[in-house]
């Protein structure tokens, strides 16, 4: 199932429930990581960062919540929150330490950043997650505390997690045989087209979410009109997803899911001024499907295979079901049977369109040279993580992980968004997240498009106060970055030739910083590695710096006699310790440039 459909469902279901002043639903940024919370009646549940789940009860005042936070590794504790609009403060405790105390120093604060909830990864709409295997939970004070010392037994409610929702009815009660997903066959490998249907018995409409994915450059399949293939490729974004909108849905030949029953779906692609038509029909042993264009007629003629609905594999709020059951006319509103019948009766010219079966790919732009997965390397050779880029022209997308920007030095989840793109470079805003702690840092990655197919892209990586000059190396497990191709020229010197005396060789010069954007600073570390802690920072306009040491050692005789370009090349592959009025610190030599002494 495509990510676009998951996100579409999340948006639809959240738009159906407005964020009231007394509603806890939303994405919350907290001092322990993001909370993705959903309130259904007095039930409060959701994801706790990438650690686990939140499961609790909203109190009678609607401003207080008692909850269990349950880590994926089995650890658990309790939290008490008080909320005022889009802010909440609370106290927490591990299970072994008892219930949260109001005077505790274990504070848990959060601010709501969005009323729309990101798709849940861990929590379940159907089953509450409690540490039921822990006798401390089942026999201690926690159950009574969770229900605000009332008579409710949340464990008995576990099989019916929606028992206390606003409607008091299981959202799947009354669904027809149509409830499920339908994938059009014989459209690949160039395309994926699917529909997810929510339909209740006796209704003449349904919620049908269409998902279309196009792979540029693929062959237009025999089942599709060449013009339709071109439309899909032209409408697809950088990832290949088509932003298709459903206008209205009607049911023909109603027979409670019997043979001959069919749905007709009016929909539009980006830029359309008229509706197109999708038909799904239940046959004796299968489902037939067709797509129709308002001028050229049939665009697809084939079949569909049934599968499980997306809401059975991804968490969907009950609101997406409630809206279909309670307000069916909203889904039939754009359905014009006379207009759609006319489209349906247009001729089938799919075969006649087969003069050229190759779908044209979008015209390549500078971004095409960046497609693929790249290792990020500082000029000293240290790995800074990786980034994967996709899309061409001016629609680049990026994803990946950065490394060594937090104390533990581990690879950190990083989110990228395209900020600006020209014919020469692309700039991505980024946020990188420390694993488990909730700490985050923001910055920007600027990458130049390589001037030749064999050149590695170069750029600037800014994370918090650190500014790093980087090279992108094809991430295939063995390609040597360009910075290593000069190592033979910079091999460790013969110790007998190493004269480490002040005023000689690399120590003969004072230095200024290079490659630091205006207004930025360079971090100085306790040792010659990014894994070392940051001890201080150095302004980007610093001058007259003296060196105390470099790692690896430098052939001072060769350095003093070398050209300026060769000296910079030597510095590029080393860490150096500089002397500042506030103390010494190490930085990549890539930032240093000898001054004329």
Protein backbone atom coordinates (compact mmCIF):
# COMPACT_ATOMS: atom_id res chain seq x y z
CA UNK A 1 0.00 0.00 0.00
CA UNK A 2 1.31 3.40 -0.94
CA UNK A 3 2.38 6.04 1.54
CA UNK A 4 0.19 8.57 -0.27
CA UNK A 5 -2.92 6.58 0.55
CA UNK A 6 -1.93 6.18 4.18
CA UNK A 7 -1.44 9.93 4.47
CA UNK A 8 -4.66 10.64 2.58
CA UNK A 9 -6.62 8.44 4.98
CA UNK A 10 -5.01 10.14 7.95
CA UNK A 11 -5.94 13.58 6.59
CA UNK A 12 -9.51 12.57 5.72
CA UNK A 13 -10.22 11.03 9.08
CA UNK A 14 -8.72 13.91 10.98
CA UNK A 15 -10.54 16.56 8.97
CA UNK A 16 -13.74 14.76 9.90
CA UNK A 17 -13.14 15.49 13.58
CA UNK A 18 -12.44 19.11 14.38
CA UNK A 19 -9.90 19.86 17.07
CA UNK A 20 -12.14 21.16 19.86
CA UNK A 21 -10.82 23.08 22.79
CA UNK A 22 -11.30 20.01 25.03
CA UNK A 23 -9.80 17.53 22.57
CA UNK A 24 -6.36 16.00 23.17
CA UNK A 25 -5.92 14.70 19.61
CA UNK A 26 -2.81 15.85 17.76
CA UNK A 27 0.96 15.74 17.41
CA UNK A 28 2.71 17.03 20.53
CA UNK A 29 6.38 17.94 20.88
CA UNK A 30 7.53 17.06 24.39
CA UNK A 31 10.74 17.07 26.37
CA UNK A 32 10.84 13.27 25.89
CA UNK A 33 10.10 13.17 22.16
CA UNK A 34 7.05 13.48 19.95
CA UNK A 35 3.66 12.25 21.16
CA UNK A 36 1.07 11.25 18.54
CA UNK A 37 -2.19 11.16 20.52
CA UNK A 38 -5.79 10.32 19.66
CA UNK A 39 -8.78 10.96 21.93
CA UNK A 40 -11.88 8.81 21.39
CA UNK A 41 -14.51 9.50 24.04
CA UNK A 42 -12.53 9.38 27.28
CA UNK A 43 -9.90 7.05 25.87
CA UNK A 44 -6.50 8.63 25.14
CA UNK A 45 -3.97 6.56 23.19
CA UNK A 46 -1.15 6.88 20.68
CA UNK A 47 2.59 6.61 20.05
CA UNK A 48 5.36 7.76 22.36
CA UNK A 49 8.17 8.83 19.99
CA UNK A 50 9.84 5.63 18.74
CA UNK A 51 9.82 4.16 22.25
CA UNK A 52 6.33 2.66 22.49
CA UNK A 53 2.76 3.63 23.32
CA UNK A 54 0.58 5.83 25.49
CA UNK A 55 -2.70 4.38 26.85
CA UNK A 56 -4.89 6.25 29.30
CA UNK A 57 -8.13 7.90 30.33
CA UNK A 58 -9.22 11.55 30.11
CA UNK A 59 -10.77 12.65 33.40
CA UNK A 60 -14.27 14.08 33.95
CA UNK A 61 -12.93 17.66 33.80
CA UNK A 62 -11.58 16.92 30.24
CA UNK A 63 -8.36 18.70 31.23
CA UNK A 64 -6.64 15.89 33.15
CA UNK A 65 -5.40 12.54 31.89
CA UNK A 66 -3.96 9.47 33.62
CA UNK A 67 -1.97 7.19 31.33
CA UNK A 68 0.52 4.34 31.06
CA UNK A 69 3.58 4.78 28.87
CA UNK A 70 4.67 1.36 27.65
CA UNK A 71 8.09 0.96 26.06
CA UNK A 72 8.60 -1.58 23.29
CA UNK A 73 11.23 -3.30 25.45
CA UNK A 74 8.67 -4.00 28.20
CA UNK A 75 9.48 -1.14 30.58
CA UNK A 76 6.52 0.92 31.67
CA UNK A 77 5.46 3.76 33.90
CA UNK A 78 2.62 6.18 34.53
CA UNK A 79 2.08 9.84 33.76
CA UNK A 80 -0.41 12.46 34.92
CA UNK A 81 -1.02 15.37 32.55
CA UNK A 82 -2.91 18.64 32.92
CA UNK A 83 -3.77 20.43 29.69
CA UNK A 84 -4.58 24.04 28.83
CA UNK A 85 -5.44 24.38 25.13
CA UNK A 86 -2.29 23.45 23.16
CA UNK A 87 0.06 23.02 26.12
CA UNK A 88 0.23 20.36 28.81
CA UNK A 89 2.40 19.74 31.83
CA UNK A 90 2.69 16.58 33.85
CA UNK A 91 4.63 14.34 36.18
CA UNK A 92 5.68 10.73 35.65
CA UNK A 93 7.18 7.74 37.42
CA UNK A 94 8.55 4.33 36.57
CA UNK A 95 6.31 1.47 37.64
CA UNK A 96 8.69 0.31 40.40
CA UNK A 97 8.52 3.77 42.01
CA UNK A 98 4.75 3.94 42.28
CA UNK A 99 2.28 6.52 41.02
CA UNK A 100 3.36 10.00 39.87
CA UNK A 101 3.68 12.59 42.62
CA UNK A 102 2.66 16.18 42.01
CA UNK A 103 5.84 17.50 43.61
CA UNK A 104 8.08 15.17 41.61
CA UNK A 105 10.98 16.51 39.57
CA UNK A 106 10.04 14.10 36.78
CA UNK A 107 8.31 16.72 34.63
CA UNK A 108 6.78 15.86 31.26
CA UNK A 109 5.78 18.92 29.24
CA UNK A 110 4.46 19.15 25.68
CA UNK A 111 3.15 21.59 23.11
CA UNK A 112 0.67 20.62 20.39
CA UNK A 113 2.16 21.32 16.95
CA UNK A 114 -0.63 19.90 14.78
CA UNK A 115 -4.24 18.81 15.26
CA UNK A 116 -3.73 16.19 12.56
CA UNK A 117 -2.09 13.04 13.85
CA UNK A 118 0.72 11.37 11.94
CA UNK A 119 0.03 7.66 11.21
CA UNK A 120 0.56 5.54 14.32
CA UNK A 121 3.31 2.93 14.32
CA UNK A 122 2.72 1.13 17.63
CA UNK A 123 -0.64 1.92 19.25
CA UNK A 124 -3.81 0.08 18.24
CA UNK A 125 -7.31 1.43 17.76
CA UNK A 126 -8.72 -1.99 18.58
CA UNK A 127 -6.73 -3.18 21.60
CA UNK A 128 -5.51 -1.18 24.56
CA UNK A 129 -1.89 -1.84 25.48
CA UNK A 130 -1.32 -2.37 29.19
CA UNK A 131 1.37 -4.37 31.09
CA UNK A 132 -1.18 -7.06 32.00
CA UNK A 133 1.57 -9.64 32.59
CA UNK A 134 2.92 -7.53 35.48
CA UNK A 135 1.19 -8.41 38.75
CA UNK A 136 2.25 -5.02 40.07
CA UNK A 137 -0.08 -3.48 37.47
CA UNK A 138 -3.03 -5.81 37.88
CA UNK A 139 -2.99 -5.97 41.70
CA UNK A 140 -1.44 -2.64 42.62
CA UNK A 141 -3.01 0.85 42.72
CA UNK A 142 -2.59 1.53 39.00
CA UNK A 143 -5.93 0.27 37.66
CA UNK A 144 -7.96 2.27 40.15
CA UNK A 145 -5.81 5.35 39.55
CA UNK A 146 -6.16 5.07 35.76
CA UNK A 147 -9.97 5.20 35.99
CA UNK A 148 -9.83 8.13 38.43
CA UNK A 149 -10.68 5.83 41.34
CA UNK A 150 -13.97 4.84 39.72
CA UNK A 151 -15.57 1.46 39.13
CA UNK A 152 -14.38 0.96 35.54
CA UNK A 153 -12.21 -1.99 34.65
CA UNK A 154 -10.09 -1.01 31.68
CA UNK A 155 -8.85 -4.58 31.30
CA UNK A 156 -12.38 -5.84 30.67
CA UNK A 157 -12.76 -3.13 28.03
CA UNK A 158 -9.65 -4.29 26.21
CA UNK A 159 -11.56 -6.41 23.75
CA UNK A 160 -13.76 -3.44 22.85
CA UNK A 161 -11.46 -0.46 22.78
CA UNK A 162 -14.16 1.73 21.28
CA UNK A 163 -16.71 1.05 24.01
CA UNK A 164 -16.42 4.58 25.39
CA UNK A 165 -16.26 6.47 22.10
CA UNK A 166 -18.80 9.10 21.17
CA UNK A 167 -21.15 6.78 19.30
CA UNK A 168 -20.77 3.71 21.51
CA UNK A 169 -20.85 1.45 18.43
CA UNK A 170 -18.17 -0.66 16.83
CA UNK A 171 -17.32 1.24 13.62
CA UNK A 172 -17.13 -1.96 11.59
CA UNK A 173 -20.67 -3.04 12.43
CA UNK A 174 -22.79 -2.95 9.28
CA UNK A 175 -20.00 -2.91 6.73
CA UNK A 176 -20.87 -4.59 3.44
CA UNK A 177 -18.93 -7.20 1.49
CA UNK A 178 -17.34 -4.35 -0.46
CA UNK A 179 -15.22 -3.27 2.53
CA UNK A 180 -11.64 -3.83 1.37
CA UNK A 181 -8.97 -2.81 -1.10
CA UNK A 182 -8.92 -3.42 -4.87
CA UNK A 183 -5.79 -3.41 -7.01
CA UNK A 184 -6.09 -3.06 -10.80
CA UNK A 185 -4.25 -5.86 -12.60
CA UNK A 186 -1.98 -5.75 -15.66
CA UNK A 187 -0.94 -2.12 -15.13
CA UNK A 188 2.58 -2.83 -13.89
CA UNK A 189 5.43 -2.53 -13.69
CA UNK A 190 4.99 1.08 -14.86
CA UNK A 191 1.96 1.84 -12.67
CA UNK A 192 0.08 0.90 -9.50
CA UNK A 193 -3.62 1.78 -9.27
CA UNK A 194 -5.73 0.81 -6.27
CA UNK A 195 -8.96 1.74 -4.48
CA UNK A 196 -9.88 1.30 -0.81
CA UNK A 197 -13.63 1.05 -0.21
CA UNK A 198 -15.66 1.69 2.97
CA UNK A 199 -19.32 0.84 2.33
CA UNK A 200 -22.20 0.12 4.70
CA UNK A 201 -25.12 -2.10 3.81
CA UNK A 202 -28.17 -0.34 2.31
CA UNK A 203 -26.21 2.80 1.35
CA UNK A 204 -26.01 3.99 -2.27
CA UNK A 205 -22.54 5.56 -1.89
CA UNK A 206 -19.22 4.85 -0.22
CA UNK A 207 -15.86 6.31 0.73
CA UNK A 208 -13.43 5.27 -2.01
CA UNK A 209 -9.82 6.45 -1.79
CA UNK A 210 -7.86 6.13 -5.02
CA UNK A 211 -4.10 5.66 -5.05
CA UNK A 212 -2.02 5.92 -8.23
CA UNK A 213 1.73 5.50 -8.55
CA UNK A 214 3.66 6.05 -11.81
CA UNK A 215 7.22 5.02 -12.65
CA UNK A 216 8.56 7.40 -15.34
CA UNK A 217 10.01 5.77 -18.42
CA UNK A 218 8.11 2.47 -18.10
CA UNK A 219 6.15 0.77 -20.86
CA UNK A 220 2.49 1.70 -21.20
CA UNK A 221 0.63 -1.60 -20.57
CA UNK A 222 -1.72 -3.11 -23.16
CA UNK A 223 -4.68 -2.59 -20.84
CA UNK A 224 -4.31 1.22 -20.85
CA UNK A 225 -4.77 4.00 -23.39
CA UNK A 226 -1.47 5.62 -24.32
CA UNK A 227 -2.96 9.05 -23.55
CA UNK A 228 -3.84 7.91 -20.02
CA UNK A 229 -0.27 6.68 -19.47
CA UNK A 230 1.03 10.08 -20.53
CA UNK A 231 -1.46 11.82 -18.20
CA UNK A 232 -0.31 9.77 -15.21
CA UNK A 233 3.38 10.36 -15.83
CA UNK A 234 2.82 14.09 -16.29
CA UNK A 235 0.74 14.29 -13.08
CA UNK A 236 3.12 12.33 -10.84
CA UNK A 237 5.27 14.11 -8.28
CA UNK A 238 8.98 13.45 -7.71
CA UNK A 239 8.25 10.18 -5.88
CA UNK A 240 5.82 9.01 -8.58
CA UNK A 241 2.61 9.59 -6.61
CA UNK A 242 -0.39 11.12 -8.37
CA UNK A 243 -2.56 13.44 -6.27
CA UNK A 244 -5.92 12.03 -7.37
CA UNK A 245 -9.15 13.53 -5.94
CA UNK A 246 -12.51 11.73 -5.68
CA UNK A 247 -15.51 13.91 -6.61
CA UNK A 248 -18.42 11.55 -5.90
CA UNK A 249 -19.39 7.87 -5.63
CA UNK A 250 -22.58 6.09 -6.68
CA UNK A 251 -23.75 2.47 -6.37
CA UNK A 252 -25.59 0.82 -9.27
CA UNK A 253 -27.68 -2.36 -9.19
CA UNK A 254 -27.72 -2.56 -5.36
CA UNK A 255 -28.03 -6.14 -4.13
CA UNK A 256 -26.12 -6.18 -0.83
CA UNK A 257 -22.85 -7.06 -2.50
CA UNK A 258 -24.31 -9.44 -5.06
CA UNK A 259 -23.30 -10.18 -8.64
CA UNK A 260 -23.68 -7.22 -10.98
CA UNK A 261 -23.42 -4.60 -8.25
CA UNK A 262 -20.95 -1.86 -9.25
CA UNK A 263 -19.49 1.38 -7.94
CA UNK A 264 -18.97 4.35 -10.21
CA UNK A 265 -16.40 6.82 -8.98
CA UNK A 266 -15.95 10.34 -10.38
CA UNK A 267 -12.36 11.54 -9.94
CA UNK A 268 -9.85 14.08 -11.22
CA UNK A 269 -6.12 14.18 -11.77
CA UNK A 270 -4.12 17.38 -11.13
CA UNK A 271 -5.08 19.98 -13.77
CA UNK A 272 -8.36 18.29 -14.77
CA UNK A 273 -11.38 20.53 -15.39
CA UNK A 274 -13.77 17.58 -15.86
CA UNK A 275 -14.36 14.35 -13.98
CA UNK A 276 -13.06 11.00 -15.14
CA UNK A 277 -14.79 7.73 -14.26
CA UNK A 278 -13.69 4.54 -12.47
CA UNK A 279 -16.02 1.53 -12.52
CA UNK A 280 -15.66 -1.43 -10.12
CA UNK A 281 -18.08 -4.30 -10.79
CA UNK A 282 -18.64 -7.52 -8.84
CA UNK A 283 -18.73 -10.47 -11.21
CA UNK A 284 -19.30 -14.16 -10.51
CA UNK A 285 -15.78 -15.03 -9.35
CA UNK A 286 -13.85 -11.77 -9.72
CA UNK A 287 -14.08 -7.99 -10.05
CA UNK A 288 -13.95 -6.17 -13.38
CA UNK A 289 -12.66 -2.61 -13.59
CA UNK A 290 -12.55 0.15 -16.18
CA UNK A 291 -11.47 3.81 -16.36
CA UNK A 292 -13.04 6.33 -18.76
CA UNK A 293 -12.01 9.75 -20.09
CA UNK A 294 -14.58 12.47 -20.93
CA UNK A 295 -13.27 12.87 -24.52
CA UNK A 296 -11.27 9.85 -25.65
CA UNK A 297 -13.38 7.17 -23.94
CA UNK A 298 -11.95 4.06 -22.29
CA UNK A 299 -8.56 4.54 -20.58
CA UNK A 300 -8.34 1.13 -18.87
CA UNK A 301 -10.09 -2.18 -19.40
CA UNK A 302 -9.36 -5.07 -17.07
CA UNK A 303 -9.88 -6.60 -13.64
CA UNK A 304 -9.15 -5.96 -9.97
CA UNK A 305 -7.97 -8.25 -7.20
CA UNK A 306 -9.37 -7.88 -3.68
CA UNK A 307 -7.25 -7.50 -0.54
CA UNK A 308 -7.55 -6.26 3.05
CA UNK A 309 -8.52 -2.61 3.56
CA UNK A 310 -5.71 -0.26 4.53
CA UNK A 311 -7.43 0.44 7.88
CA UNK A 312 -6.83 -3.18 8.90
CA UNK A 313 -3.07 -2.85 8.50
CA UNK A 314 -2.60 0.84 9.47
CA UNK A 315 -4.26 2.67 12.33
CA UNK A 316 -7.35 4.67 11.25
CA UNK A 317 -9.43 6.72 13.65
CA UNK A 318 -13.08 5.64 13.87
CA UNK A 319 -14.09 9.04 12.46
CA UNK A 320 -13.35 7.83 8.93
CA UNK A 321 -16.00 5.11 9.42
CA UNK A 322 -18.45 7.33 11.33
CA UNK A 323 -18.54 9.93 8.57
CA UNK A 324 -19.46 7.34 5.93
CA UNK A 325 -22.16 5.79 8.12
CA UNK A 326 -23.68 9.04 9.45
CA UNK A 327 -23.21 11.41 6.49
CA UNK A 328 -23.33 9.32 3.29
CA UNK A 329 -24.56 12.24 1.15
CA UNK A 330 -21.15 13.88 1.49
CA UNK A 331 -19.67 11.09 -0.62
CA UNK A 332 -22.37 11.22 -3.32
CA UNK A 333 -22.38 15.01 -3.61
CA UNK A 334 -20.24 15.21 -6.78
CA UNK A 335 -21.89 12.22 -8.47
CA UNK A 336 -23.66 13.15 -11.75
CA UNK A 337 -25.17 9.96 -13.18
CA UNK A 338 -26.16 11.51 -16.54
CA UNK A 339 -22.67 12.88 -17.19
CA UNK A 340 -20.94 9.67 -16.06
CA UNK A 341 -23.25 7.49 -18.18
CA UNK A 342 -22.24 9.52 -21.23
CA UNK A 343 -18.53 8.97 -20.46
CA UNK A 344 -19.13 5.26 -19.90
CA UNK A 345 -20.73 4.86 -23.32
CA UNK A 346 -17.87 6.45 -25.26
CA UNK A 347 -15.95 4.00 -27.55
CA UNK A 348 -13.01 1.90 -26.47
CA UNK A 349 -9.95 3.11 -28.42
CA UNK A 350 -7.23 1.59 -26.20
CA UNK A 351 -5.94 -0.72 -28.95
CA UNK A 352 -5.94 2.09 -31.51
CA UNK A 353 -3.67 4.18 -29.29
CA UNK A 354 -0.87 1.59 -29.34
CA UNK A 355 1.25 3.29 -32.03
CA UNK A 356 3.94 4.12 -29.47
CA UNK A 357 4.06 2.13 -26.27
CA UNK A 358 6.88 4.03 -24.56
CA UNK A 359 5.80 6.48 -21.89
CA UNK A 360 8.01 9.58 -22.11
CA UNK A 361 9.95 10.35 -19.00
CA UNK A 362 9.98 13.95 -17.71
CA UNK A 363 12.77 16.07 -19.13
CA UNK A 364 15.85 15.55 -16.95
CA UNK A 365 17.20 18.47 -14.97
CA UNK A 366 20.23 19.03 -12.81
CA UNK A 367 18.59 17.10 -9.99
CA UNK A 368 18.79 13.86 -11.98
CA UNK A 369 22.53 13.69 -11.34
CA UNK A 370 21.84 13.39 -7.60
CA UNK A 371 19.46 10.43 -7.75
CA UNK A 372 20.55 7.51 -5.59
CA UNK A 373 22.00 6.88 -2.13
CA UNK A 374 25.13 8.77 -1.11
CA UNK A 375 27.46 8.49 1.82
CA UNK A 376 28.23 11.88 3.40
CA UNK A 377 31.91 12.37 4.20
CA UNK A 378 33.71 15.19 5.90
CA UNK A 379 36.92 16.12 4.12
CA UNK A 380 38.90 14.47 6.90
CA UNK A 381 37.31 11.17 5.80
CA UNK A 382 34.86 10.75 8.69
CA UNK A 383 31.42 9.48 7.79
CA UNK A 384 28.52 11.81 8.57
CA UNK A 385 25.78 9.36 7.58
CA UNK A 386 23.96 8.98 4.29
CA UNK A 387 21.26 10.64 2.19
CA UNK A 388 19.03 9.16 -0.51
CA UNK A 389 17.74 11.48 -3.24
CA UNK A 390 15.01 10.82 -5.77
CA UNK A 391 13.16 12.78 -8.43
CA UNK A 392 14.35 14.83 -11.34
CA UNK A 393 14.10 18.42 -12.54
CA UNK A 394 13.05 20.72 -9.72
CA UNK A 395 11.30 18.13 -7.58
CA UNK A 396 14.10 16.53 -5.58
CA UNK A 397 13.21 14.58 -2.45
CA UNK A 398 15.66 13.44 0.23
CA UNK A 399 15.72 11.03 3.15
CA UNK A 400 18.44 9.48 5.28
CA UNK A 401 20.30 9.40 8.59
CA UNK A 402 23.08 11.58 9.96
CA UNK A 403 25.73 10.27 12.35
CA UNK A 404 27.91 11.64 15.16
CA UNK A 405 25.86 14.74 15.93
CA UNK A 406 24.78 13.57 19.39
CA UNK A 407 26.69 12.34 22.43
CA UNK A 408 26.28 8.64 21.69
CA UNK A 409 27.56 9.09 18.12
CA UNK A 410 24.87 6.79 16.75
CA UNK A 411 23.10 7.13 13.43
CA UNK A 412 20.13 9.46 13.91
CA UNK A 413 16.85 9.59 12.02
CA UNK A 414 16.85 12.73 9.87
CA UNK A 415 14.04 14.39 7.96
CA UNK A 416 14.77 16.50 4.89
CA UNK A 417 12.56 18.94 2.98
CA UNK A 418 13.50 20.77 -0.21
CA UNK A 419 13.97 24.46 0.57
CA UNK A 420 15.35 25.76 -2.73
CA UNK A 421 16.67 24.40 -6.01
CA UNK A 422 18.50 26.11 -8.87
CA UNK A 423 20.30 24.85 -11.95
CA UNK A 424 23.50 24.59 -9.90
CA UNK A 425 22.52 23.34 -6.44
CA UNK A 426 19.77 22.12 -4.13
CA UNK A 427 19.21 23.12 -0.50
CA UNK A 428 17.34 20.94 2.02
CA UNK A 429 16.18 22.01 5.46
CA UNK A 430 16.74 19.17 7.93
CA UNK A 431 15.90 18.01 11.43
CA UNK A 432 17.89 15.17 13.01
CA UNK A 433 16.62 13.27 16.07
CA UNK A 434 18.67 11.63 18.82
CA UNK A 435 17.66 8.03 19.39
CA UNK A 436 15.32 7.73 22.38
CA UNK A 437 16.12 11.00 24.16
CA UNK A 438 13.84 13.32 22.22
CA UNK A 439 16.74 15.69 21.50
CA UNK A 440 16.77 17.21 18.03
CA UNK A 441 18.91 19.55 15.96
CA UNK A 442 18.01 21.52 12.86
CA UNK A 443 20.12 22.68 9.94
CA UNK A 444 20.54 22.60 6.19
CA UNK A 445 22.26 20.49 3.53
CA UNK A 446 23.39 22.34 0.39
CA UNK A 447 24.58 20.14 -2.47
CA UNK A 448 26.13 21.29 -5.76
CA UNK A 449 25.19 19.36 -8.89
CA UNK A 450 28.34 17.66 -10.24
CA UNK A 451 29.71 19.21 -13.41
CA UNK A 452 30.57 15.82 -14.88
CA UNK A 453 29.16 12.33 -14.53
CA UNK A 454 32.33 11.07 -12.83
CA UNK A 455 32.61 13.83 -10.25
CA UNK A 456 31.37 13.33 -6.70
CA UNK A 457 28.90 16.03 -5.57
CA UNK A 458 30.20 18.42 -2.92
CA UNK A 459 28.35 20.62 -0.52
CA UNK A 460 27.91 22.18 2.90
CA UNK A 461 26.22 20.52 5.88
CA UNK A 462 25.01 22.80 8.68
CA UNK A 463 23.74 21.16 11.88
CA UNK A 464 23.01 23.48 14.80
CA UNK A 465 26.24 25.50 15.19
CA UNK A 466 28.44 23.15 13.16
CA UNK A 467 29.32 23.95 9.55
CA UNK A 468 30.89 21.08 7.62
CA UNK A 469 32.22 20.86 4.09
CA UNK A 470 31.16 17.50 2.71
CA UNK A 471 31.58 15.22 -0.26
CA UNK A 472 28.87 12.80 -1.41
CA UNK A 473 30.15 9.36 -2.29
CA UNK A 474 28.09 6.70 -4.07
CA UNK A 475 26.80 4.53 -1.24
CA UNK A 476 27.55 1.07 -2.66
CA UNK A 477 29.71 -0.36 0.07
CA UNK A 478 33.11 0.06 -1.50
CA UNK A 479 33.59 3.11 -3.71
CA UNK A 480 36.50 5.22 -2.58
CA UNK A 481 35.69 8.89 -1.89
CA UNK A 482 37.71 11.46 -3.81
CA UNK A 483 39.42 12.64 -0.66
CA UNK A 484 41.20 9.28 -0.40
CA UNK A 485 42.71 9.43 -3.87
CA UNK A 486 45.41 11.80 -2.59
CA UNK A 487 46.45 9.66 0.36
CA UNK A 488 49.57 8.42 -1.46
CA UNK A 489 50.77 11.99 -1.69
CA UNK A 490 50.05 12.53 2.00
CA UNK A 491 51.40 9.31 3.48
CA UNK A 492 52.77 9.36 6.99
CA UNK A 493 56.32 10.74 6.90
CA UNK A 494 59.55 9.08 7.94
CA UNK A 495 59.91 9.89 11.67
CA UNK A 496 63.50 10.98 11.05
CA UNK A 497 62.21 13.73 8.78
CA UNK A 498 59.54 14.98 11.17
CA UNK A 499 60.80 18.19 12.75
CA UNK A 500 57.97 19.21 15.07
CA UNK A 501 59.39 22.59 16.10
CA UNK A 502 57.52 25.88 16.46
CA UNK A 503 57.94 28.09 13.42
CA UNK A 504 58.78 25.17 11.11
CA UNK A 505 56.72 23.37 8.49
CA UNK A 506 52.98 23.42 9.14
CA UNK A 507 53.64 25.35 12.35
CA UNK A 508 55.44 28.16 10.52
CA UNK A 509 52.15 29.82 9.59
CA UNK A 510 49.24 31.41 11.36
CA UNK A 511 45.83 30.46 10.00
CA UNK A 512 42.42 31.86 9.26
CA UNK A 513 39.18 29.95 8.70
CA UNK A 514 37.85 29.16 5.25
CA UNK A 515 34.55 27.86 3.92
CA UNK A 516 32.44 29.09 6.84
CA UNK A 517 29.25 30.98 5.87
CA UNK A 518 28.90 34.51 7.29
CA UNK A 519 27.56 34.59 10.83
CA UNK A 520 28.37 30.92 11.48
CA UNK A 521 30.81 29.31 13.91
CA UNK A 522 32.91 26.15 13.82
CA UNK A 523 32.76 23.69 16.72
CA UNK A 524 36.03 22.82 18.47
CA UNK A 525 36.27 19.33 19.97
CA UNK A 526 38.21 17.71 22.78
CA UNK A 527 40.05 15.43 20.37
CA UNK A 528 40.62 14.74 16.67
CA UNK A 529 37.27 13.09 15.97
CA UNK A 530 33.63 13.99 15.61
CA UNK A 531 32.88 11.51 18.38
CA UNK A 532 34.71 13.79 20.84
CA UNK A 533 32.68 16.31 22.81
CA UNK A 534 32.40 19.94 21.73
CA UNK A 535 34.43 22.13 24.10
CA UNK A 536 33.96 25.55 22.52
CA UNK A 537 33.26 27.28 19.21
CA UNK A 538 35.23 29.56 16.93
CA UNK A 539 33.80 32.46 14.96
CA UNK A 540 33.92 32.01 11.20
CA UNK A 541 35.95 35.22 10.77
CA UNK A 542 38.71 34.14 13.19
CA UNK A 543 42.28 34.96 12.09
CA UNK A 544 45.90 34.68 13.32
CA UNK A 545 45.28 31.19 14.71
CA UNK A 546 48.23 29.10 15.85
CA UNK A 547 48.41 25.30 15.57
CA UNK A 548 49.37 23.09 18.49
CA UNK A 549 49.17 19.69 16.79
CA UNK A 550 47.73 17.82 13.79
CA UNK A 551 46.53 14.23 13.38
CA UNK A 552 47.88 12.37 11.37
CA UNK A 553 51.37 13.87 11.57
CA UNK A 554 52.58 16.09 8.75
CA UNK A 555 55.81 15.98 6.77
CA UNK A 556 56.87 19.47 7.77
CA UNK A 557 59.68 19.74 5.22
CA UNK A 558 57.34 18.79 2.40
CA UNK A 559 54.56 21.04 3.70
CA UNK A 560 56.77 24.14 3.89
CA UNK A 561 58.05 23.61 0.34
CA UNK A 562 54.65 22.73 -1.17
CA UNK A 563 52.40 25.02 -3.19
CA UNK A 564 49.40 26.60 -1.49
CA UNK A 565 47.04 24.17 -3.25
CA UNK A 566 49.10 21.20 -2.03
CA UNK A 567 49.14 22.61 1.51
CA UNK A 568 45.35 22.87 1.51
CA UNK A 569 45.14 19.29 0.23
CA UNK A 570 47.25 18.11 3.18
CA UNK A 571 45.07 20.02 5.64
CA UNK A 572 41.92 18.58 4.09
CA UNK A 573 42.84 15.08 5.29
CA UNK A 574 43.67 15.96 8.92
CA UNK A 575 42.36 17.23 12.21
CA UNK A 576 44.31 20.06 13.82
CA UNK A 577 44.36 21.57 17.30
CA UNK A 578 44.21 25.37 17.38
CA UNK A 579 45.06 27.71 20.21
CA UNK A 580 42.38 30.22 21.27
CA UNK A 581 42.20 32.69 24.19
CA UNK A 582 39.56 30.44 25.80
CA UNK A 583 41.56 27.23 25.41
CA UNK A 584 42.56 24.77 22.74
CA UNK A 585 40.31 22.68 20.53
CA UNK A 586 40.37 20.37 17.52
CA UNK A 587 38.70 21.05 14.17
CA UNK A 588 38.95 19.56 10.67
CA UNK A 589 41.89 21.04 8.79
CA UNK A 590 39.53 21.61 5.88
CA UNK A 591 38.55 24.83 7.64
CA UNK A 592 42.11 26.14 7.92
CA UNK A 593 44.03 28.24 5.43
CA UNK A 594 47.61 29.48 5.98
CA UNK A 595 47.99 33.23 6.16
CA UNK A 596 50.89 34.97 4.42
CA UNK A 597 53.48 35.27 7.18
